[in-house]
């Protein structure tokens, strides 16, 4: 290989590198600024709508937004009468994690944010509600259907073999015994104390003050603001404006959701049929204790 050929090959190899170095240097300017502007900060959005039967999807969204360094803060839109105790507690824990890592989360309450819906909102940086929002309903509920009288009329009987006295507690084929009622009340009372403790920890309230309002009653947004259960009255837009101000973001800041993309055919079938048969896409209600406002 001749010297000329070697020179041509070396030029082909190193010329792009040299051009890149010169471009970078010129773009940096006199002050040596990096030519690539930092990525614009965004606002994360999580919507919790309807009864909270499971927490996995909501927790996943909150976790991704919390760990994403391009997300300056999160708006949590709550329009829920509450739901299962454990799912509500899991969402609450992730909200507390955001709080501990100084990732601002602002809650905007919709028509209803009661019981578990209120519980998950408590760790927020600030809670907004409309004057007519229904919230509160701090308490726990555990219900059992009883249809043994109907079965008796049609001649159906149930035989139960169990290993312990409380193994079939809540059996719909018979009434609860007084001992079972006391046992279940003890479980409910313990879960209720967890609700009180967590709200007080998140809202910096005294248990004795909260107990005066935590008898299951509901409040309007105006009443909740006066009682200190929420921070301020305001709309969804007000909550977004506050978060932008809190994070020093411009008015046109982009909002990002981390929802999973649903299967198109499944979504069309369930939503389409659900319009004509409303109960078609309702989830099966799992048994257990609920932070739930009934009849909403």
Protein backbone atom coordinates (compact mmCIF):
# COMPACT_ATOMS: atom_id res chain seq x y z
CA UNK A 1 0.00 0.00 0.00
CA UNK A 2 1.42 3.39 -1.00
CA UNK A 3 1.77 6.40 1.28
CA UNK A 4 -0.90 8.20 -0.71
CA UNK A 5 -3.40 5.38 -0.16
CA UNK A 6 -2.63 5.33 3.56
CA UNK A 7 -3.14 9.11 3.73
CA UNK A 8 -6.53 8.86 1.99
CA UNK A 9 -7.70 6.07 4.31
CA UNK A 10 -6.60 7.94 7.45
CA UNK A 11 -8.34 11.08 6.21
CA UNK A 12 -11.59 9.18 5.63
CA UNK A 13 -11.40 7.71 9.14
CA UNK A 14 -10.48 10.81 11.12
CA UNK A 15 -12.15 13.61 9.13
CA UNK A 16 -15.65 13.04 10.62
CA UNK A 17 -14.14 13.04 14.12
CA UNK A 18 -12.32 16.31 13.45
CA UNK A 19 -15.44 17.93 12.03
CA UNK A 20 -17.41 16.81 15.08
CA UNK A 21 -14.86 18.28 17.50
CA UNK A 22 -14.82 21.59 15.65
CA UNK A 23 -18.63 21.71 15.54
CA UNK A 24 -18.85 21.03 19.28
CA UNK A 25 -16.30 23.71 20.07
CA UNK A 26 -18.00 26.34 17.90
CA UNK A 27 -21.44 25.51 19.27
CA UNK A 28 -20.22 25.80 22.84
CA UNK A 29 -19.44 29.49 22.33
CA UNK A 30 -17.14 31.67 24.35
CA UNK A 31 -18.57 30.57 27.72
CA UNK A 32 -18.19 26.87 26.91
CA UNK A 33 -21.91 26.04 27.20
CA UNK A 34 -23.01 22.57 26.17
CA UNK A 35 -24.76 22.76 22.78
CA UNK A 36 -27.57 20.46 23.88
CA UNK A 37 -30.18 22.22 26.03
CA UNK A 38 -31.40 20.25 29.09
CA UNK A 39 -34.61 18.35 28.54
CA UNK A 40 -37.70 20.40 29.39
CA UNK A 41 -39.28 19.40 32.69
CA UNK A 42 -42.80 17.96 32.54
CA UNK A 43 -45.76 17.29 34.83
CA UNK A 44 -46.90 13.73 35.47
CA UNK A 45 -50.62 12.91 35.61
CA UNK A 46 -52.26 9.96 37.36
CA UNK A 47 -56.05 9.50 37.31
CA UNK A 48 -57.70 7.33 39.95
CA UNK A 49 -61.28 6.85 38.86
CA UNK A 50 -64.03 4.61 40.30
CA UNK A 51 -63.74 2.05 43.11
CA UNK A 52 -60.18 1.01 44.00
CA UNK A 53 -60.25 -2.77 43.70
CA UNK A 54 -56.54 -3.12 42.92
CA UNK A 55 -53.49 -0.87 43.19
CA UNK A 56 -50.90 -2.33 40.80
CA UNK A 57 -51.49 0.00 37.87
CA UNK A 58 -51.72 3.16 39.98
CA UNK A 59 -48.60 2.28 41.98
CA UNK A 60 -46.70 1.52 38.76
CA UNK A 61 -47.60 4.90 37.28
CA UNK A 62 -46.62 6.77 40.44
CA UNK A 63 -43.33 4.88 40.70
CA UNK A 64 -42.37 5.60 37.10
CA UNK A 65 -43.18 9.28 37.48
CA UNK A 66 -41.33 9.47 40.80
CA UNK A 67 -38.17 7.95 39.31
CA UNK A 68 -38.33 9.96 36.07
CA UNK A 69 -35.96 12.92 36.51
CA UNK A 70 -37.71 14.84 33.71
CA UNK A 71 -40.91 14.92 35.80
CA UNK A 72 -40.90 17.97 38.08
CA UNK A 73 -44.13 17.12 39.89
CA UNK A 74 -47.29 15.01 39.73
CA UNK A 75 -50.99 15.78 39.55
CA UNK A 76 -53.16 13.08 41.11
CA UNK A 77 -56.78 13.39 39.97
CA UNK A 78 -59.03 11.47 42.37
CA UNK A 79 -62.67 10.72 41.58
CA UNK A 80 -63.34 7.67 43.72
CA UNK A 81 -65.55 6.62 46.66
CA UNK A 82 -62.63 4.54 47.95
CA UNK A 83 -62.12 0.80 47.81
CA UNK A 84 -60.20 -2.09 49.31
CA UNK A 85 -58.10 -1.44 52.41
CA UNK A 86 -54.90 -3.08 51.17
CA UNK A 87 -54.95 -1.46 47.67
CA UNK A 88 -55.60 1.94 49.25
CA UNK A 89 -52.71 1.41 51.66
CA UNK A 90 -50.36 0.47 48.82
CA UNK A 91 -51.20 3.67 46.92
CA UNK A 92 -50.82 5.67 50.15
CA UNK A 93 -47.34 4.15 50.68
CA UNK A 94 -46.22 5.18 47.20
CA UNK A 95 -47.57 8.68 47.79
CA UNK A 96 -45.54 8.83 51.01
CA UNK A 97 -42.47 7.71 49.06
CA UNK A 98 -42.95 10.65 46.67
CA UNK A 99 -43.24 12.93 49.69
CA UNK A 100 -40.07 11.53 51.27
CA UNK A 101 -38.14 12.06 48.02
CA UNK A 102 -39.45 15.63 47.68
CA UNK A 103 -41.32 14.92 44.46
CA UNK A 104 -44.33 17.28 44.69
CA UNK A 105 -47.72 15.60 44.30
CA UNK A 106 -50.79 17.84 44.14
CA UNK A 107 -54.21 16.20 44.48
CA UNK A 108 -57.26 17.46 42.63
CA UNK A 109 -60.49 15.94 43.94
CA UNK A 110 -63.35 15.44 41.52
CA UNK A 111 -67.00 14.80 42.35
CA UNK A 112 -66.16 12.24 45.04
CA UNK A 113 -62.92 11.54 46.90
CA UNK A 114 -64.17 9.79 49.99
CA UNK A 115 -63.00 7.09 52.39
CA UNK A 116 -60.13 5.34 50.54
CA UNK A 117 -60.26 8.16 47.98
CA UNK A 118 -59.53 10.62 50.79
CA UNK A 119 -56.99 8.28 52.41
CA UNK A 120 -54.76 8.07 49.31
CA UNK A 121 -54.85 11.86 48.90
CA UNK A 122 -53.57 12.65 52.41
CA UNK A 123 -49.79 12.52 51.72
CA UNK A 124 -50.11 15.14 48.93
CA UNK A 125 -48.15 18.38 48.94
CA UNK A 126 -51.50 20.14 48.64
CA UNK A 127 -55.10 18.94 48.29
CA UNK A 128 -57.56 20.87 46.12
CA UNK A 129 -61.32 20.22 46.07
CA UNK A 130 -64.31 21.96 44.57
CA UNK A 131 -66.85 23.45 47.02
CA UNK A 132 -69.30 20.66 46.19
CA UNK A 133 -66.85 17.75 46.20
CA UNK A 134 -67.95 14.88 48.48
CA UNK A 135 -65.08 13.76 50.70
CA UNK A 136 -64.38 12.47 54.20
CA UNK A 137 -66.24 9.23 55.07
CA UNK A 138 -63.31 8.15 57.25
CA UNK A 139 -64.06 4.62 58.36
CA UNK A 140 -64.08 0.92 57.51
CA UNK A 141 -66.90 -1.34 56.36
CA UNK A 142 -67.22 -5.13 56.14
CA UNK A 143 -70.46 -6.62 54.78
CA UNK A 144 -71.83 -10.13 54.39
CA UNK A 145 -74.86 -11.23 52.36
CA UNK A 146 -77.23 -13.74 53.96
CA UNK A 147 -79.47 -15.81 51.74
CA UNK A 148 -80.14 -18.87 53.87
CA UNK A 149 -83.83 -17.96 54.33
CA UNK A 150 -84.30 -18.01 50.55
CA UNK A 151 -82.45 -21.33 50.30
CA UNK A 152 -84.62 -22.78 53.06
CA UNK A 153 -87.76 -21.90 51.09
CA UNK A 154 -86.58 -23.87 48.08
CA UNK A 155 -85.23 -26.77 50.13
CA UNK A 156 -81.47 -26.16 49.77
CA UNK A 157 -79.28 -26.85 52.79
CA UNK A 158 -75.55 -26.40 53.32
CA UNK A 159 -73.31 -28.57 55.48
CA UNK A 160 -70.02 -27.06 56.66
CA UNK A 161 -67.05 -29.01 58.03
CA UNK A 162 -64.43 -26.69 59.54
CA UNK A 163 -61.17 -26.88 61.45
CA UNK A 164 -61.82 -24.01 63.83
CA UNK A 165 -64.61 -21.93 65.34
CA UNK A 166 -64.02 -18.88 63.12
CA UNK A 167 -63.07 -20.67 59.88
CA UNK A 168 -66.43 -19.98 58.21
CA UNK A 169 -67.10 -16.58 59.75
CA UNK A 170 -69.41 -14.65 57.42
CA UNK A 171 -70.96 -17.81 56.01
CA UNK A 172 -74.04 -16.59 54.05
CA UNK A 173 -75.94 -19.75 54.99
CA UNK A 174 -76.41 -18.73 58.61
CA UNK A 175 -76.47 -15.74 60.96
CA UNK A 176 -73.34 -14.48 62.68
CA UNK A 177 -72.97 -15.51 66.30
CA UNK A 178 -72.40 -12.84 68.95
CA UNK A 179 -68.86 -14.11 69.40
CA UNK A 180 -68.22 -13.75 65.66
CA UNK A 181 -69.61 -10.22 65.66
CA UNK A 182 -67.23 -9.22 68.45
CA UNK A 183 -64.33 -10.85 66.61
CA UNK A 184 -65.09 -9.01 63.37
CA UNK A 185 -65.64 -5.74 65.23
CA UNK A 186 -62.14 -6.14 66.67
CA UNK A 187 -60.73 -6.50 63.13
CA UNK A 188 -62.65 -3.46 61.95
CA UNK A 189 -61.50 -1.39 64.93
CA UNK A 190 -57.88 -2.28 64.26
CA UNK A 191 -58.19 -1.32 60.60
CA UNK A 192 -59.93 1.91 61.59
CA UNK A 193 -57.00 2.78 63.89
CA UNK A 194 -54.66 2.28 60.92
CA UNK A 195 -56.76 4.77 58.93
CA UNK A 196 -56.60 7.33 61.76
CA UNK A 197 -52.87 6.84 62.27
CA UNK A 198 -52.00 7.21 58.58
CA UNK A 199 -54.14 10.31 58.03
CA UNK A 200 -52.61 11.96 61.10
CA UNK A 201 -49.08 11.11 59.94
CA UNK A 202 -49.66 12.46 56.43
CA UNK A 203 -51.68 15.55 57.41
CA UNK A 204 -49.87 16.36 60.66
CA UNK A 205 -53.11 16.14 62.63
CA UNK A 206 -53.78 15.07 66.20
CA UNK A 207 -55.70 11.77 66.57
CA UNK A 208 -58.13 13.21 69.11
CA UNK A 209 -59.06 16.02 66.70
CA UNK A 210 -59.48 13.69 63.74
CA UNK A 211 -61.64 11.23 65.69
CA UNK A 212 -64.26 13.93 66.17
CA UNK A 213 -64.80 13.90 62.38
CA UNK A 214 -63.91 10.27 61.64
CA UNK A 215 -67.25 8.60 62.29
CA UNK A 216 -68.01 7.84 58.65
CA UNK A 217 -69.71 11.17 57.91
CA UNK A 218 -69.17 12.88 54.58
CA UNK A 219 -68.22 16.52 53.99
CA UNK A 220 -68.56 18.95 51.13
CA UNK A 221 -65.36 20.54 49.88
CA UNK A 222 -66.22 23.72 51.79
CA UNK A 223 -66.77 21.83 55.03
CA UNK A 224 -63.60 19.76 54.55
CA UNK A 225 -61.53 22.92 54.02
CA UNK A 226 -62.96 24.48 57.20
CA UNK A 227 -62.22 21.27 59.14
CA UNK A 228 -58.65 21.01 57.85
CA UNK A 229 -59.21 17.75 55.96
CA UNK A 230 -58.10 19.41 52.71
CA UNK A 231 -55.90 22.44 52.04
CA UNK A 232 -57.84 24.70 49.71
CA UNK A 233 -60.81 25.05 47.39
CA UNK A 234 -59.99 25.04 43.72
CA UNK A 235 -60.53 23.34 40.39
CA UNK A 236 -58.40 20.89 38.44
CA UNK A 237 -56.93 23.85 36.53
CA UNK A 238 -56.12 25.60 39.81
CA UNK A 239 -54.24 22.51 41.00
CA UNK A 240 -52.19 22.40 37.80
CA UNK A 241 -51.41 26.11 38.05
CA UNK A 242 -50.27 25.68 41.64
CA UNK A 243 -47.98 22.77 40.73
CA UNK A 244 -46.46 24.75 37.86
CA UNK A 245 -45.80 27.63 40.24
CA UNK A 246 -44.41 25.29 42.88
CA UNK A 247 -41.98 23.75 40.37
CA UNK A 248 -41.21 27.04 38.52
CA UNK A 249 -42.54 25.66 35.24
CA UNK A 250 -43.86 27.64 32.24
CA UNK A 251 -47.55 27.74 31.41
CA UNK A 252 -47.20 25.45 28.40
CA UNK A 253 -45.49 22.65 30.36
CA UNK A 254 -46.24 19.26 28.86
CA UNK A 255 -48.31 16.75 30.87
CA UNK A 256 -47.40 13.06 30.75
CA UNK A 257 -49.38 9.94 31.67
CA UNK A 258 -47.74 6.54 32.13
CA UNK A 259 -50.84 4.46 31.49
CA UNK A 260 -50.40 1.09 29.85
CA UNK A 261 -51.70 0.91 26.31
CA UNK A 262 -54.70 -1.41 26.32
CA UNK A 263 -55.35 -3.99 23.67
CA UNK A 264 -57.41 -2.19 21.01
CA UNK A 265 -59.80 -5.09 20.29
CA UNK A 266 -60.38 -5.81 23.98
CA UNK A 267 -61.01 -2.14 24.71
CA UNK A 268 -63.48 -1.84 21.83
CA UNK A 269 -65.37 -4.96 22.88
CA UNK A 270 -65.61 -4.17 26.61
CA UNK A 271 -66.39 -0.47 26.21
CA UNK A 272 -68.75 -1.07 23.28
CA UNK A 273 -70.78 -3.76 25.01
CA UNK A 274 -70.58 -1.86 28.30
CA UNK A 275 -72.52 1.01 26.77
CA UNK A 276 -75.52 -1.25 26.22
CA UNK A 277 -74.99 -3.63 29.16
CA UNK A 278 -73.49 -1.46 31.94
CA UNK A 279 -72.68 -4.34 34.29
CA UNK A 280 -70.68 -6.20 31.61
CA UNK A 281 -67.32 -4.58 32.37
CA UNK A 282 -67.75 -4.24 36.13
CA UNK A 283 -64.96 -6.01 38.04
CA UNK A 284 -65.79 -8.83 40.40
CA UNK A 285 -65.85 -7.38 43.92
CA UNK A 286 -63.28 -9.21 46.06
CA UNK A 287 -64.20 -9.97 49.68
CA UNK A 288 -62.58 -8.10 52.54
CA UNK A 289 -62.53 -4.81 54.46
CA UNK A 290 -63.14 -1.59 52.55
CA UNK A 291 -62.38 2.09 52.94
CA UNK A 292 -65.52 2.75 50.93
CA UNK A 293 -68.38 5.25 50.78
CA UNK A 294 -71.44 3.13 50.04
CA UNK A 295 -73.97 3.95 47.28
CA UNK A 296 -71.57 6.11 45.22
